[in-house]
Protein backbone atom coordinates (compact mmCIF):
# COMPACT_ATOMS: atom_id res chain seq x y z
CA MET A 1 36.82 83.18 87.92
CA SER A 2 35.91 80.60 85.68
CA SER A 3 34.99 78.33 88.39
CA LYS A 4 32.56 80.91 89.80
CA LYS A 5 31.03 81.29 86.33
CA SER A 6 30.61 77.76 85.89
CA ALA A 7 28.98 77.23 89.22
CA THR A 8 26.52 80.07 88.56
CA ALA A 9 25.87 78.46 85.27
CA LYS A 10 25.31 75.14 86.85
CA LYS A 11 22.90 76.59 89.40
CA ALA A 12 20.85 78.24 86.48
CA GLN A 13 20.70 75.00 84.60
CA ARG A 14 19.38 73.03 87.66
CA ALA A 15 16.86 75.86 88.15
CA THR A 16 15.72 75.71 84.58
CA ALA A 17 15.59 71.86 84.94
CA ARG A 18 13.59 71.98 87.99
CA LYS A 19 11.08 74.50 86.32
CA ALA A 20 10.71 72.24 83.38
CA THR A 21 10.00 69.24 85.56
CA GLU A 22 7.53 71.16 87.57
CA ARG A 23 5.59 72.30 84.49
CA LYS A 24 5.69 68.76 83.32
CA ALA A 25 4.31 67.43 86.46
CA ALA A 26 1.59 70.25 86.35
CA ALA A 27 0.58 69.42 82.74
CA GLN A 28 0.51 65.80 83.52
CA GLN A 29 -1.74 66.36 86.76
CA ALA A 30 -4.02 68.63 84.51
CA THR A 31 -4.43 65.88 82.01
CA THR A 32 -5.11 63.12 84.47
CA ARG A 33 -7.51 65.30 86.63
CA PRO A 34 -9.06 67.84 84.13
CA ASP A 35 -11.02 69.42 87.29
CA ALA A 36 -7.77 70.33 89.14
CA GLY A 37 -6.75 72.62 86.05
CA ALA A 38 -10.17 74.29 86.01
CA ALA A 39 -9.76 74.73 89.64
CA ALA A 40 -6.63 76.43 89.22
CA LYS A 41 -7.68 78.80 86.50
CA ALA A 42 -10.76 79.71 88.27
CA THR A 43 -8.82 80.90 91.40
CA GLY A 44 -6.19 82.37 89.14
CA ALA A 45 -3.35 80.54 90.71
CA THR A 46 -0.48 79.52 88.45
CA THR A 47 3.15 78.41 89.12
CA ALA A 48 4.47 81.64 87.39
CA ASP A 49 2.48 83.99 89.55
CA ALA A 50 3.51 82.27 92.82
CA ALA A 51 6.21 83.98 94.75
CA PRO A 52 9.43 81.95 94.91
CA THR A 53 10.36 80.39 98.18
CA GLY A 54 13.36 80.83 100.41
CA PRO A 55 15.06 84.18 101.75
CA ARG A 56 15.19 87.18 99.54
CA PRO A 57 18.69 87.91 98.28
CA THR A 58 20.25 90.99 99.65
CA ARG A 59 20.88 92.53 96.34
CA LEU A 60 17.33 92.35 95.35
CA THR A 61 16.34 94.03 98.66
CA VAL A 62 18.63 96.90 98.03
CA ALA A 63 17.38 97.17 94.39
CA ALA A 64 13.79 97.40 95.48
CA ALA A 65 14.80 99.89 98.34
CA LEU A 66 16.66 102.15 95.73
CA ALA A 67 13.72 102.12 93.39
CA ALA A 68 11.31 102.67 96.08
CA ALA A 69 13.37 105.99 97.17
CA GLU A 70 13.38 107.00 93.64
CA GLY A 71 9.64 106.74 93.44
CA VAL A 72 9.19 108.56 97.00
CA VAL A 73 11.52 111.29 95.64
CA LEU A 74 9.76 111.62 92.40
CA LEU A 75 6.39 111.61 94.19
CA GLY A 76 7.34 114.30 96.52
CA PHE A 77 8.67 116.63 93.60
CA GLY A 78 5.44 116.06 91.77
CA VAL A 79 3.18 116.85 94.70
CA TYR A 80 5.53 120.03 95.63
CA VAL A 81 5.04 121.27 91.79
CA LEU A 82 1.40 120.64 91.86
CA ILE A 83 1.03 122.50 95.14
CA MET A 84 3.06 125.32 93.91
CA GLY A 85 1.13 125.29 90.66
CA LEU A 86 -2.22 125.63 92.69
CA ALA A 87 -1.33 127.82 95.45
CA GLY A 88 1.79 129.66 94.17
CA ASP A 89 2.36 132.22 91.53
CA PRO A 90 3.96 130.39 88.61
CA GLU A 91 4.25 132.08 85.11
CA SER A 92 1.81 129.51 83.61
CA PRO A 93 -0.27 127.73 86.23
CA GLN A 94 -1.66 125.18 83.88
CA GLN A 95 1.76 124.15 82.97
CA ALA A 96 2.98 123.72 86.45
CA GLU A 97 -0.17 121.78 87.45
CA MET A 98 0.23 119.52 84.30
CA LEU A 99 3.83 118.88 85.31
CA GLY A 100 2.89 117.97 88.66
CA VAL A 101 0.26 115.53 87.52
CA THR A 102 2.67 113.96 85.14
CA VAL A 103 5.58 113.69 87.61
CA VAL A 104 3.13 112.03 90.17
CA ALA A 105 1.97 109.56 87.45
CA LEU A 106 5.61 108.89 86.50
CA ALA A 107 6.39 108.13 90.11
CA LEU A 108 4.24 105.27 90.13
CA LEU A 109 6.19 103.32 87.77
CA PRO A 110 9.32 102.99 90.21
CA LEU A 111 7.18 102.39 93.00
CA LEU A 112 5.09 99.56 91.38
CA ALA A 113 8.43 97.96 90.35
CA ALA A 114 9.84 98.25 93.80
CA ARG A 115 6.89 96.45 95.30
CA GLY A 116 7.25 93.78 92.70
CA LEU A 117 10.86 93.32 93.48
CA TRP A 118 10.26 93.20 97.23
CA LEU A 119 7.43 90.53 96.42
CA ARG A 120 9.83 88.86 93.88
CA ARG A 121 7.60 89.13 91.06
CA ARG A 122 9.13 88.13 87.67
CA TRP A 123 7.35 90.99 85.75
CA SER A 124 8.89 93.71 87.96
CA ARG A 125 12.58 93.61 86.43
CA GLY A 126 11.59 95.12 83.09
CA PRO A 127 9.77 98.23 84.59
CA ALA A 128 12.67 98.68 87.18
CA MET A 129 15.37 98.40 84.48
CA ILE A 130 13.41 100.74 82.38
CA THR A 131 13.09 103.27 85.00
CA GLN A 132 16.85 103.22 85.65
CA LEU A 133 17.56 103.70 81.91
CA MET A 134 15.27 106.57 81.81
CA ALA A 135 16.96 108.03 85.11
CA LEU A 136 20.35 108.10 83.25
CA PRO A 137 19.61 111.11 80.96
CA VAL A 138 17.93 112.82 83.59
CA ALA A 139 20.92 112.51 85.72
CA TRP A 140 22.98 113.68 82.68
CA THR A 141 21.01 116.85 82.20
CA LEU A 142 21.08 117.29 86.09
CA MET A 143 24.89 117.46 86.16
CA GLN A 144 25.09 119.93 83.06
CA ASN A 145 23.40 122.40 85.19
CA GLY A 146 25.12 124.33 87.96
CA GLY A 147 25.04 124.29 91.81
CA ALA A 148 23.13 121.73 94.02
CA LEU A 149 21.76 120.05 90.64
CA ILE A 150 25.08 118.69 89.97
CA ALA A 151 24.91 116.96 93.29
CA ALA A 152 21.58 115.67 92.50
CA GLY A 153 22.61 114.37 88.98
CA VAL A 154 25.59 112.62 90.64
CA VAL A 155 23.23 110.74 93.25
CA THR A 156 20.70 109.84 90.65
CA ALA A 157 23.36 108.43 88.19
CA ILE A 158 24.86 106.41 91.23
CA ALA A 159 21.31 105.09 92.26
CA ALA A 160 20.46 104.27 88.54
CA LEU A 161 23.69 102.48 87.90
CA ALA A 162 23.57 100.49 91.16
CA VAL A 163 19.89 99.36 90.52
CA LEU A 164 20.91 98.27 87.11
CA ALA A 165 23.88 96.32 88.24
CA LEU A 166 21.98 94.71 91.12
CA LEU A 167 19.16 93.44 88.67
CA ILE A 168 21.51 92.19 86.05
CA ASN A 169 23.07 90.10 88.75
CA PRO A 170 22.31 86.38 88.31
CA THR A 171 21.41 86.09 92.10
CA ALA A 172 18.68 88.87 91.35
CA THR A 173 17.47 87.04 88.24
CA GLU A 174 17.29 83.86 89.76
CA ALA A 175 15.51 85.03 92.82
CA LEU A 176 12.99 86.61 90.31
CA GLY A 177 12.48 83.18 88.66
CA ILE A 178 14.31 84.45 85.44
CA GLY A 179 16.38 81.65 84.14
CA PRO A 180 18.84 81.56 81.09
CA ARG A 181 17.07 81.62 77.93
CA ASP A 182 16.76 78.22 76.19
CA ALA A 183 18.73 77.59 73.11
């Protein structure tokens, strides 16, 4: 087990060293050719925004797919509640419509995070993890109720924990360009 840890740590150190070398080279190029730095700023291209090269790890693909599935389920539920608020006969149509709009808006977070994970964007890990952490109390609440909601709560909890585990994995963090913190 320790050899696995040390291999992962060595790989992370190499990635960090490579990034530092790339930053130094980019800074050196910008100082020797000031017009190159201005051109990069004008086009909006930076090394941090560029998608990492190489194949996407399976763990990251699964995490993106699960986050997208959660977003689609939320979107479907929000649209359903919105339609029922408009066309149905709820006790409070205004509350039903507002809940529908709110859930549709909340569905955008996991969908955007899933797209970012799929494209291997560094920023996407935070929103994806926050979404999963928010899903855990929802799963608990669903499991406290009876009937089919227990199954929905269990599925929600499993999906949230799976995505969290996949995103914490060093392979996924490295694929997103997130290295160990410098001491």
